[in-house]
Amino acid sequence: MQTTQIEPSATLAQLQESKPDKVTIVLLSGDMDKAMAAFIIATGAAAMGMQVTVFFTFWGLNTIRRKGATSSAKDWLRRMFGVLNKGGAENLPLSRFHFGGLGTRMMQKVMKQNRMPGVPELMETALDLGVRFIACTTTMGLMGITKDTLIDGIDQFAGVTTYLAEAKQGSVNLFI
């Protein structure tokens, strides 16, 4: 088996040389660890001076939902999505070892001990750095999520064509 080691300083130098100035991230997952990865990348890219857009779709919309916001959908099926699918960056489960919330609490404790910001703090930092947040309107309609159930700071409510237009201009496009 052949492995390749990547030197971080060489990778950074290559990135600066190629001057990628636009990064897009699709956040499909509503898992805490995956949302953290998306926001760490987003804030790192924004700190390097890149334009960053995060497109929130399907379970990724849970990251930008207000804590405790209920669905105002008219049909019972979409209202059930709102009941079963708790939103809020503070309530995201781990993708693995969740164990009914025990794993998530353990991870949050370890992060706090190591002064690692959580998803809410990373989101706030991203917004402060000018990262654009786009909420997928198609998924919002499917899941009965309305604008008033999302946090403040969403730059745009749009569909996949808007994301694709952003990604077409991007040098780095990620799917998380």
N, C-alpha and C. Protein backbone atom coordinates (compact mmCIF):
# COMPACT_ATOMS: atom_id res chain seq x y z
N MET A 1 0.84 -1.18 0.00
CA MET A 1 0.00 0.00 0.00
C MET A 1 0.88 1.23 0.00
N GLN A 2 0.52 2.15 -0.83
CA GLN A 2 1.29 3.38 -0.95
C GLN A 2 0.55 4.52 -0.26
N THR A 3 1.25 5.26 0.55
CA THR A 3 0.63 6.41 1.21
C THR A 3 1.33 7.69 0.77
N THR A 4 0.60 8.73 0.80
CA THR A 4 1.13 10.03 0.43
C THR A 4 1.01 10.97 1.62
N GLN A 5 2.12 11.57 1.97
CA GLN A 5 2.08 12.55 3.05
C GLN A 5 1.99 13.94 2.44
N ILE A 6 1.12 14.72 3.01
CA ILE A 6 0.93 16.08 2.53
C ILE A 6 1.47 17.03 3.59
N GLU A 7 2.38 17.85 3.19
CA GLU A 7 2.96 18.84 4.10
C GLU A 7 2.03 20.05 4.15
N PRO A 8 1.52 20.42 5.33
CA PRO A 8 0.57 21.55 5.41
C PRO A 8 1.14 22.85 4.85
N SER A 9 2.41 23.15 5.11
CA SER A 9 2.95 24.42 4.61
C SER A 9 3.04 24.42 3.09
N ALA A 10 3.35 23.26 2.49
CA ALA A 10 3.40 23.18 1.03
C ALA A 10 2.00 23.34 0.44
N THR A 11 1.02 22.72 1.08
CA THR A 11 -0.36 22.84 0.60
C THR A 11 -0.84 24.28 0.69
N LEU A 12 -0.52 24.95 1.80
CA LEU A 12 -0.91 26.36 1.95
C LEU A 12 -0.23 27.22 0.89
N ALA A 13 1.05 26.94 0.64
CA ALA A 13 1.77 27.70 -0.39
C ALA A 13 1.15 27.49 -1.77
N GLN A 14 0.75 26.24 -2.05
CA GLN A 14 0.08 25.97 -3.34
C GLN A 14 -1.24 26.71 -3.44
N LEU A 15 -1.99 26.72 -2.33
CA LEU A 15 -3.27 27.43 -2.33
C LEU A 15 -3.07 28.93 -2.57
N GLN A 16 -2.04 29.50 -1.91
CA GLN A 16 -1.80 30.93 -2.08
C GLN A 16 -1.30 31.23 -3.50
N GLU A 17 -0.53 30.29 -4.05
CA GLU A 17 0.00 30.49 -5.40
C GLU A 17 -1.11 30.44 -6.45
N SER A 18 -2.04 29.48 -6.28
CA SER A 18 -3.12 29.34 -7.24
C SER A 18 -4.23 30.36 -6.98
N LYS A 19 -4.15 31.04 -5.86
CA LYS A 19 -5.09 32.10 -5.48
C LYS A 19 -6.56 31.70 -5.58
N PRO A 20 -6.94 30.60 -4.93
CA PRO A 20 -8.36 30.30 -4.90
C PRO A 20 -9.05 31.35 -4.03
N ASP A 21 -9.91 32.09 -4.60
CA ASP A 21 -10.51 33.17 -3.82
C ASP A 21 -11.96 32.92 -3.45
N LYS A 22 -12.50 31.79 -3.88
CA LYS A 22 -13.89 31.52 -3.55
C LYS A 22 -14.06 30.06 -3.17
N VAL A 23 -14.70 29.83 -2.03
CA VAL A 23 -14.93 28.49 -1.51
C VAL A 23 -16.43 28.31 -1.32
N THR A 24 -16.95 27.19 -1.77
CA THR A 24 -18.35 26.86 -1.48
C THR A 24 -18.39 25.54 -0.73
N ILE A 25 -19.30 25.49 0.21
CA ILE A 25 -19.48 24.27 1.01
C ILE A 25 -20.97 23.95 1.04
N VAL A 26 -21.30 22.71 0.68
CA VAL A 26 -22.67 22.22 0.84
C VAL A 26 -22.70 21.49 2.17
N LEU A 27 -23.52 21.96 3.09
CA LEU A 27 -23.67 21.25 4.36
C LEU A 27 -24.99 20.49 4.31
N LEU A 28 -24.90 19.20 4.04
CA LEU A 28 -26.06 18.32 3.95
C LEU A 28 -26.37 17.68 5.30
N SER A 29 -25.34 17.51 6.10
CA SER A 29 -25.48 16.78 7.36
C SER A 29 -25.90 17.70 8.50
N GLY A 30 -26.67 17.14 9.41
CA GLY A 30 -27.03 17.85 10.63
C GLY A 30 -26.30 17.28 11.83
N ASP A 31 -25.20 16.59 11.60
CA ASP A 31 -24.39 16.04 12.68
C ASP A 31 -23.41 17.09 13.19
N MET A 32 -23.21 17.09 14.50
CA MET A 32 -22.35 18.08 15.14
C MET A 32 -20.94 18.07 14.58
N ASP A 33 -20.34 16.89 14.47
CA ASP A 33 -18.95 16.81 14.02
C ASP A 33 -18.80 17.27 12.57
N LYS A 34 -19.77 16.96 11.75
CA LYS A 34 -19.69 17.38 10.35
C LYS A 34 -19.96 18.88 10.21
N ALA A 35 -20.88 19.41 11.00
CA ALA A 35 -21.12 20.86 10.98
C ALA A 35 -19.87 21.59 11.47
N MET A 36 -19.23 21.05 12.51
CA MET A 36 -17.98 21.67 13.00
C MET A 36 -16.94 21.70 11.90
N ALA A 37 -16.77 20.61 11.18
CA ALA A 37 -15.79 20.56 10.09
C ALA A 37 -16.11 21.63 9.05
N ALA A 38 -17.38 21.76 8.69
CA ALA A 38 -17.78 22.76 7.69
C ALA A 38 -17.43 24.17 8.17
N PHE A 39 -17.74 24.47 9.42
CA PHE A 39 -17.49 25.83 9.93
C PHE A 39 -16.01 26.09 10.19
N ILE A 40 -15.26 25.08 10.57
CA ILE A 40 -13.81 25.25 10.73
C ILE A 40 -13.18 25.58 9.38
N ILE A 41 -13.58 24.85 8.35
CA ILE A 41 -13.06 25.12 7.00
C ILE A 41 -13.52 26.50 6.54
N ALA A 42 -14.80 26.81 6.76
CA ALA A 42 -15.34 28.10 6.32
C ALA A 42 -14.61 29.27 7.00
N THR A 43 -14.42 29.17 8.30
CA THR A 43 -13.76 30.28 9.01
C THR A 43 -12.28 30.36 8.64
N GLY A 44 -11.65 29.21 8.44
CA GLY A 44 -10.24 29.22 8.02
C GLY A 44 -10.07 29.87 6.66
N ALA A 45 -10.95 29.53 5.73
CA ALA A 45 -10.87 30.11 4.39
C ALA A 45 -11.18 31.61 4.43
N ALA A 46 -12.19 31.98 5.21
CA ALA A 46 -12.53 33.40 5.32
C ALA A 46 -11.39 34.18 5.96
N ALA A 47 -10.72 33.58 6.95
CA ALA A 47 -9.58 34.25 7.60
C ALA A 47 -8.42 34.43 6.62
N MET A 48 -8.35 33.56 5.61
CA MET A 48 -7.31 33.69 4.58
C MET A 48 -7.71 34.70 3.50
N GLY A 49 -8.86 35.30 3.65
CA GLY A 49 -9.29 36.31 2.71
C GLY A 49 -10.14 35.79 1.57
N MET A 50 -10.57 34.54 1.65
CA MET A 50 -11.39 33.97 0.59
C MET A 50 -12.86 34.30 0.82
N GLN A 51 -13.63 34.35 -0.26
CA GLN A 51 -15.08 34.48 -0.16
C GLN A 51 -15.63 33.08 0.07
N VAL A 52 -16.45 32.95 1.07
CA VAL A 52 -16.96 31.62 1.43
C VAL A 52 -18.48 31.65 1.45
N THR A 53 -19.08 30.64 0.83
CA THR A 53 -20.53 30.46 0.84
C THR A 53 -20.83 29.07 1.36
N VAL A 54 -21.73 28.99 2.33
CA VAL A 54 -22.19 27.70 2.82
C VAL A 54 -23.65 27.57 2.41
N PHE A 55 -23.95 26.46 1.70
CA PHE A 55 -25.30 26.16 1.24
C PHE A 55 -25.86 25.07 2.14
N PHE A 56 -26.91 25.39 2.90
CA PHE A 56 -27.49 24.47 3.87
C PHE A 56 -28.68 23.76 3.22
N THR A 57 -28.64 22.44 3.17
CA THR A 57 -29.74 21.69 2.58
C THR A 57 -30.02 20.44 3.41
N PHE A 58 -31.17 19.88 3.25
CA PHE A 58 -31.68 18.75 4.03
C PHE A 58 -31.31 18.87 5.51
N TRP A 59 -30.66 17.88 6.09
CA TRP A 59 -30.44 17.91 7.55
C TRP A 59 -29.48 19.02 7.95
N GLY A 60 -28.74 19.55 7.01
CA GLY A 60 -27.85 20.68 7.31
C GLY A 60 -28.62 21.92 7.72
N LEU A 61 -29.90 22.00 7.31
CA LEU A 61 -30.72 23.14 7.73
C LEU A 61 -30.93 23.15 9.24
N ASN A 62 -30.84 21.97 9.89
CA ASN A 62 -31.00 21.94 11.35
C ASN A 62 -29.95 22.79 12.05
N THR A 63 -28.80 22.93 11.42
CA THR A 63 -27.72 23.72 12.01
C THR A 63 -28.13 25.19 12.16
N ILE A 64 -28.91 25.69 11.21
CA ILE A 64 -29.27 27.11 11.24
C ILE A 64 -30.71 27.34 11.70
N ARG A 65 -31.33 26.31 12.24
CA ARG A 65 -32.67 26.49 12.81
C ARG A 65 -32.56 27.06 14.21
N ARG A 66 -33.53 27.87 14.57
CA ARG A 66 -33.59 28.41 15.92
C ARG A 66 -33.87 27.27 16.89
N LYS A 67 -33.27 27.35 18.04
CA LYS A 67 -33.48 26.33 19.06
C LYS A 67 -34.94 26.36 19.49
N GLY A 68 -35.58 25.23 19.42
CA GLY A 68 -36.96 25.09 19.87
C GLY A 68 -38.00 25.62 18.90
N ALA A 69 -37.58 26.09 17.73
CA ALA A 69 -38.55 26.60 16.76
C ALA A 69 -39.38 25.45 16.21
N THR A 70 -40.67 25.63 16.20
CA THR A 70 -41.55 24.58 15.68
C THR A 70 -41.95 24.89 14.24
N SER A 71 -42.33 23.87 13.55
CA SER A 71 -42.74 24.03 12.17
C SER A 71 -44.14 24.61 12.11
N SER A 72 -44.35 25.50 11.19
CA SER A 72 -45.69 26.06 11.00
C SER A 72 -46.34 25.49 9.75
N ALA A 73 -45.85 24.31 9.34
CA ALA A 73 -46.40 23.67 8.15
C ALA A 73 -47.87 23.33 8.35
N LYS A 74 -48.61 23.33 7.26
CA LYS A 74 -50.05 23.10 7.36
C LYS A 74 -50.42 21.62 7.43
N ASP A 75 -49.61 20.75 6.84
CA ASP A 75 -49.96 19.34 6.86
C ASP A 75 -49.21 18.62 7.99
N TRP A 76 -49.82 17.55 8.49
CA TRP A 76 -49.29 16.86 9.67
C TRP A 76 -47.94 16.20 9.42
N LEU A 77 -47.71 15.75 8.16
CA LEU A 77 -46.45 15.07 7.85
C LEU A 77 -45.26 16.02 8.00
N ARG A 78 -45.39 17.23 7.50
CA ARG A 78 -44.30 18.21 7.63
C ARG A 78 -44.18 18.71 9.06
N ARG A 79 -45.31 18.81 9.76
CA ARG A 79 -45.23 19.21 11.17
C ARG A 79 -44.47 18.15 11.97
N MET A 80 -44.68 16.87 11.59
CA MET A 80 -43.96 15.78 12.28
C MET A 80 -42.46 15.89 12.06
N PHE A 81 -42.05 16.31 10.86
CA PHE A 81 -40.62 16.53 10.63
C PHE A 81 -40.08 17.53 11.65
N GLY A 82 -40.87 18.59 11.89
CA GLY A 82 -40.45 19.61 12.84
C GLY A 82 -40.37 19.08 14.26
N VAL A 83 -41.31 18.19 14.61
CA VAL A 83 -41.33 17.63 15.96
C VAL A 83 -40.16 16.65 16.14
N LEU A 84 -39.97 15.77 15.17
CA LEU A 84 -38.93 14.74 15.28
C LEU A 84 -37.53 15.28 15.01
N ASN A 85 -37.46 16.36 14.29
CA ASN A 85 -36.19 16.88 13.82
C ASN A 85 -35.88 18.18 14.54
N LYS A 86 -35.41 18.06 15.76
CA LYS A 86 -35.13 19.25 16.58
C LYS A 86 -34.00 20.05 15.95
N GLY A 87 -34.21 21.31 15.91
CA GLY A 87 -33.20 22.19 15.33
C GLY A 87 -32.35 22.85 16.38
N GLY A 88 -31.41 23.63 15.89
CA GLY A 88 -30.54 24.39 16.78
C GLY A 88 -29.15 23.83 16.80
N ALA A 89 -28.17 24.71 16.63
CA ALA A 89 -26.77 24.29 16.60
C ALA A 89 -26.34 23.63 17.90
N GLU A 90 -27.05 23.94 18.99
CA GLU A 90 -26.69 23.36 20.29
C GLU A 90 -27.19 21.93 20.45
N ASN A 91 -28.11 21.52 19.59
CA ASN A 91 -28.77 20.21 19.75
C ASN A 91 -28.35 19.17 18.73
N LEU A 92 -27.30 19.40 17.99
CA LEU A 92 -26.93 18.46 16.93
C LEU A 92 -26.31 17.20 17.53
N PRO A 93 -26.67 16.04 17.00
CA PRO A 93 -26.08 14.78 17.49
C PRO A 93 -24.73 14.52 16.83
N LEU A 94 -23.95 13.65 17.43
CA LEU A 94 -22.71 13.18 16.80
C LEU A 94 -23.08 12.19 15.69
N SER A 95 -22.26 12.11 14.65
CA SER A 95 -22.54 11.16 13.58
C SER A 95 -22.27 9.72 14.03
N ARG A 96 -21.39 9.57 15.00
CA ARG A 96 -21.08 8.24 15.55
C ARG A 96 -20.97 8.38 17.05
N PHE A 97 -21.25 7.30 17.75
CA PHE A 97 -21.14 7.25 19.21
C PHE A 97 -22.05 8.27 19.90
N HIS A 98 -23.20 8.51 19.33
CA HIS A 98 -24.13 9.47 19.92
C HIS A 98 -24.72 8.90 21.22
N PHE A 99 -25.07 7.64 21.24
CA PHE A 99 -25.59 6.92 22.41
C PHE A 99 -26.69 7.71 23.12
N GLY A 100 -27.68 8.14 22.36
CA GLY A 100 -28.82 8.85 22.95
C GLY A 100 -28.45 10.19 23.56
N GLY A 101 -27.37 10.77 23.13
CA GLY A 101 -26.96 12.10 23.61
C GLY A 101 -25.75 12.05 24.54
N LEU A 102 -25.44 10.88 25.09
CA LEU A 102 -24.29 10.77 26.01
C LEU A 102 -22.98 11.10 25.30
N GLY A 103 -22.80 10.55 24.11
CA GLY A 103 -21.58 10.81 23.34
C GLY A 103 -21.42 12.28 23.01
N THR A 104 -22.53 12.91 22.66
CA THR A 104 -22.49 14.33 22.31
C THR A 104 -22.09 15.16 23.53
N ARG A 105 -22.69 14.86 24.68
CA ARG A 105 -22.34 15.61 25.90
C ARG A 105 -20.87 15.38 26.27
N MET A 106 -20.39 14.14 26.12
CA MET A 106 -18.99 13.87 26.42
C MET A 106 -18.07 14.68 25.48
N MET A 107 -18.43 14.71 24.19
CA MET A 107 -17.63 15.47 23.22
C MET A 107 -17.65 16.97 23.56
N GLN A 108 -18.81 17.49 23.91
CA GLN A 108 -18.91 18.90 24.26
C GLN A 108 -18.06 19.22 25.50
N LYS A 109 -18.01 18.28 26.46
CA LYS A 109 -17.21 18.50 27.66
C LYS A 109 -15.71 18.52 27.31
N VAL A 110 -15.29 17.57 26.49
CA VAL A 110 -13.88 17.52 26.08
C VAL A 110 -13.51 18.78 25.28
N MET A 111 -14.42 19.22 24.43
CA MET A 111 -14.16 20.45 23.66
C MET A 111 -14.02 21.64 24.58
N LYS A 112 -14.89 21.72 25.58
CA LYS A 112 -14.83 22.83 26.53
C LYS A 112 -13.53 22.80 27.32
N GLN A 113 -13.12 21.60 27.75
CA GLN A 113 -11.86 21.47 28.49
C GLN A 113 -10.67 21.92 27.65
N ASN A 114 -10.76 21.73 26.35
CA ASN A 114 -9.67 22.10 25.44
C ASN A 114 -9.90 23.45 24.77
N ARG A 115 -10.89 24.18 25.30
CA ARG A 115 -11.20 25.52 24.79
C ARG A 115 -11.48 25.54 23.28
N MET A 116 -12.12 24.50 22.84
CA MET A 116 -12.51 24.38 21.43
C MET A 116 -13.92 24.95 21.29
N PRO A 117 -14.13 25.89 20.37
CA PRO A 117 -15.47 26.44 20.23
C PRO A 117 -16.45 25.40 19.69
N GLY A 118 -17.69 25.52 20.12
CA GLY A 118 -18.74 24.63 19.63
C GLY A 118 -19.32 25.17 18.33
N VAL A 119 -20.30 24.45 17.81
CA VAL A 119 -20.92 24.85 16.54
C VAL A 119 -21.52 26.26 16.63
N PRO A 120 -22.24 26.62 17.70
CA PRO A 120 -22.80 27.98 17.74
C PRO A 120 -21.73 29.06 17.67
N GLU A 121 -20.62 28.86 18.38
CA GLU A 121 -19.54 29.86 18.35
C GLU A 121 -18.86 29.90 16.99
N LEU A 122 -18.68 28.74 16.36
CA LEU A 122 -18.08 28.70 15.03
C LEU A 122 -18.98 29.39 14.00
N MET A 123 -20.29 29.20 14.13
CA MET A 123 -21.22 29.87 13.23
C MET A 123 -21.15 31.37 13.40
N GLU A 124 -21.09 31.81 14.64
CA GLU A 124 -21.01 33.26 14.92
C GLU A 124 -19.72 33.83 14.34
N THR A 125 -18.63 33.12 14.49
CA THR A 125 -17.34 33.56 13.93
C THR A 125 -17.43 33.62 12.41
N ALA A 126 -18.05 32.61 11.82
CA ALA A 126 -18.21 32.59 10.35
C ALA A 126 -18.99 33.81 9.88
N LEU A 127 -20.08 34.10 10.57
CA LEU A 127 -20.89 35.27 10.18
C LEU A 127 -20.09 36.56 10.36
N ASP A 128 -19.33 36.64 11.44
CA ASP A 128 -18.48 37.83 11.68
C ASP A 128 -17.43 38.00 10.59
N LEU A 129 -16.94 36.88 10.04
CA LEU A 129 -15.91 36.93 8.99
C LEU A 129 -16.51 37.12 7.59
N GLY A 130 -17.84 37.22 7.52
CA GLY A 130 -18.48 37.49 6.25
C GLY A 130 -18.83 36.27 5.42
N VAL A 131 -18.83 35.10 6.04
CA VAL A 131 -19.24 33.88 5.32
C VAL A 131 -20.73 34.01 4.99
N ARG A 132 -21.07 33.75 3.73
CA ARG A 132 -22.47 33.82 3.28
C ARG A 132 -23.18 32.52 3.60
N PHE A 133 -24.38 32.64 4.13
CA PHE A 133 -25.22 31.48 4.42
C PHE A 133 -26.40 31.50 3.45
N ILE A 134 -26.59 30.40 2.72
CA ILE A 134 -27.74 30.25 1.83
C ILE A 134 -28.55 29.04 2.31
N ALA A 135 -29.84 29.25 2.53
CA ALA A 135 -30.74 28.17 2.93
C ALA A 135 -31.45 27.66 1.69
N CYS A 136 -31.48 26.35 1.53
CA CYS A 136 -32.09 25.71 0.35
C CYS A 136 -33.62 25.78 0.46
N THR A 137 -34.22 26.50 -0.46
CA THR A 137 -35.68 26.68 -0.42
C THR A 137 -36.44 25.40 -0.77
N THR A 138 -35.86 24.58 -1.61
CA THR A 138 -36.52 23.32 -1.98
C THR A 138 -36.67 22.44 -0.75
N THR A 139 -35.58 22.29 0.00
CA THR A 139 -35.64 21.47 1.21
C THR A 139 -36.54 22.10 2.27
N MET A 140 -36.49 23.42 2.36
CA MET A 140 -37.35 24.10 3.33
C MET A 140 -38.81 23.76 3.05
N GLY A 141 -39.19 23.76 1.77
CA GLY A 141 -40.56 23.42 1.41
C GLY A 141 -40.90 21.98 1.71
N LEU A 142 -39.96 21.08 1.42
CA LEU A 142 -40.19 19.66 1.67
C LEU A 142 -40.36 19.35 3.15
N MET A 143 -39.57 20.01 3.98
CA MET A 143 -39.56 19.69 5.40
C MET A 143 -40.40 20.64 6.25
N GLY A 144 -41.09 21.56 5.60
CA GLY A 144 -41.95 22.47 6.35
C GLY A 144 -41.19 23.48 7.18
N ILE A 145 -39.98 23.81 6.76
CA ILE A 145 -39.17 24.80 7.49
C ILE A 145 -39.44 26.18 6.87
N THR A 146 -39.76 27.12 7.71
CA THR A 146 -40.04 28.47 7.22
C THR A 146 -38.92 29.42 7.64
N LYS A 147 -38.89 30.58 6.98
CA LYS A 147 -37.83 31.56 7.26
C LYS A 147 -37.81 31.96 8.72
N ASP A 148 -38.98 32.08 9.33
CA ASP A 148 -39.02 32.53 10.72
C ASP A 148 -38.52 31.48 11.71
N THR A 149 -38.29 30.24 11.26
CA THR A 149 -37.74 29.22 12.16
C THR A 149 -36.21 29.13 12.04
N LEU A 150 -35.63 29.96 11.17
CA LEU A 150 -34.17 29.96 10.99
C LEU A 150 -33.55 31.14 11.74
N ILE A 151 -32.28 31.02 12.04
CA ILE A 151 -31.56 32.07 12.77
C ILE A 151 -31.45 33.33 11.90
N ASP A 152 -31.12 34.43 12.55
CA ASP A 152 -30.82 35.66 11.82
C ASP A 152 -29.45 35.49 11.16
N GLY A 153 -29.24 36.19 10.08
CA GLY A 153 -27.94 36.14 9.43
C GLY A 153 -27.91 35.31 8.16
N ILE A 154 -29.05 34.75 7.78
CA ILE A 154 -29.11 34.00 6.52
C ILE A 154 -29.09 35.04 5.39
N ASP A 155 -28.12 34.92 4.50
CA ASP A 155 -27.96 35.91 3.44
C ASP A 155 -28.95 35.73 2.30
N GLN A 156 -29.34 34.48 2.07
CA GLN A 156 -30.17 34.25 0.90
C GLN A 156 -30.98 32.96 1.09
N PHE A 157 -32.16 32.96 0.52
CA PHE A 157 -32.99 31.76 0.46
C PHE A 157 -33.07 31.43 -1.03
N ALA A 158 -32.52 30.31 -1.42
CA ALA A 158 -32.39 30.02 -2.85
C ALA A 158 -32.30 28.52 -3.09
N GLY A 159 -32.37 28.16 -4.36
CA GLY A 159 -32.31 26.76 -4.75
C GLY A 159 -30.94 26.37 -5.28
N VAL A 160 -30.90 25.20 -5.85
CA VAL A 160 -29.63 24.61 -6.28
C VAL A 160 -28.97 25.42 -7.39
N THR A 161 -29.74 26.09 -8.23
CA THR A 161 -29.10 26.86 -9.31
C THR A 161 -28.25 27.99 -8.75
N THR A 162 -28.68 28.58 -7.66
CA THR A 162 -27.89 29.64 -7.02
C THR A 162 -26.60 29.05 -6.47
N TYR A 163 -26.73 27.88 -5.82
CA TYR A 163 -25.52 27.23 -5.33
C TYR A 163 -24.57 26.90 -6.48
N LEU A 164 -25.10 26.34 -7.55
CA LEU A 164 -24.24 25.95 -8.69
C LEU A 164 -23.55 27.17 -9.32
N ALA A 165 -24.25 28.29 -9.37
CA ALA A 165 -23.62 29.51 -9.89
C ALA A 165 -22.45 29.93 -8.99
N GLU A 166 -22.64 29.80 -7.68
CA GLU A 166 -21.56 30.11 -6.73
C GLU A 166 -20.41 29.12 -6.90
N ALA A 167 -20.75 27.84 -6.99
CA ALA A 167 -19.72 26.80 -7.09
C ALA A 167 -18.92 26.91 -8.38
N LYS A 168 -19.58 27.33 -9.44
CA LYS A 168 -18.91 27.48 -10.73
C LYS A 168 -17.78 28.49 -10.66
N GLN A 169 -17.94 29.49 -9.81
CA GLN A 169 -16.91 30.51 -9.64
C GLN A 169 -15.87 30.11 -8.60
N GLY A 170 -16.17 29.07 -7.84
CA GLY A 170 -15.30 28.66 -6.76
C GLY A 170 -14.12 27.82 -7.21
N SER A 171 -13.04 27.97 -6.47
CA SER A 171 -11.86 27.15 -6.71
C SER A 171 -11.86 25.92 -5.82
N VAL A 172 -12.57 26.02 -4.71
CA VAL A 172 -12.69 24.91 -3.77
C VAL A 172 -14.17 24.71 -3.50
N ASN A 173 -14.67 23.51 -3.79
CA ASN A 173 -16.07 23.17 -3.56
C ASN A 173 -16.13 21.89 -2.74
N LEU A 174 -16.77 21.97 -1.59
CA LEU A 174 -16.80 20.83 -0.68
C LEU A 174 -18.23 20.42 -0.38
N PHE A 175 -18.40 19.12 -0.13
CA PHE A 175 -19.71 18.55 0.20
C PHE A 175 -19.58 17.82 1.52
N ILE A 176 -20.26 18.33 2.53
CA ILE A 176 -20.15 17.73 3.86
C ILE A 176 -21.52 17.31 4.35
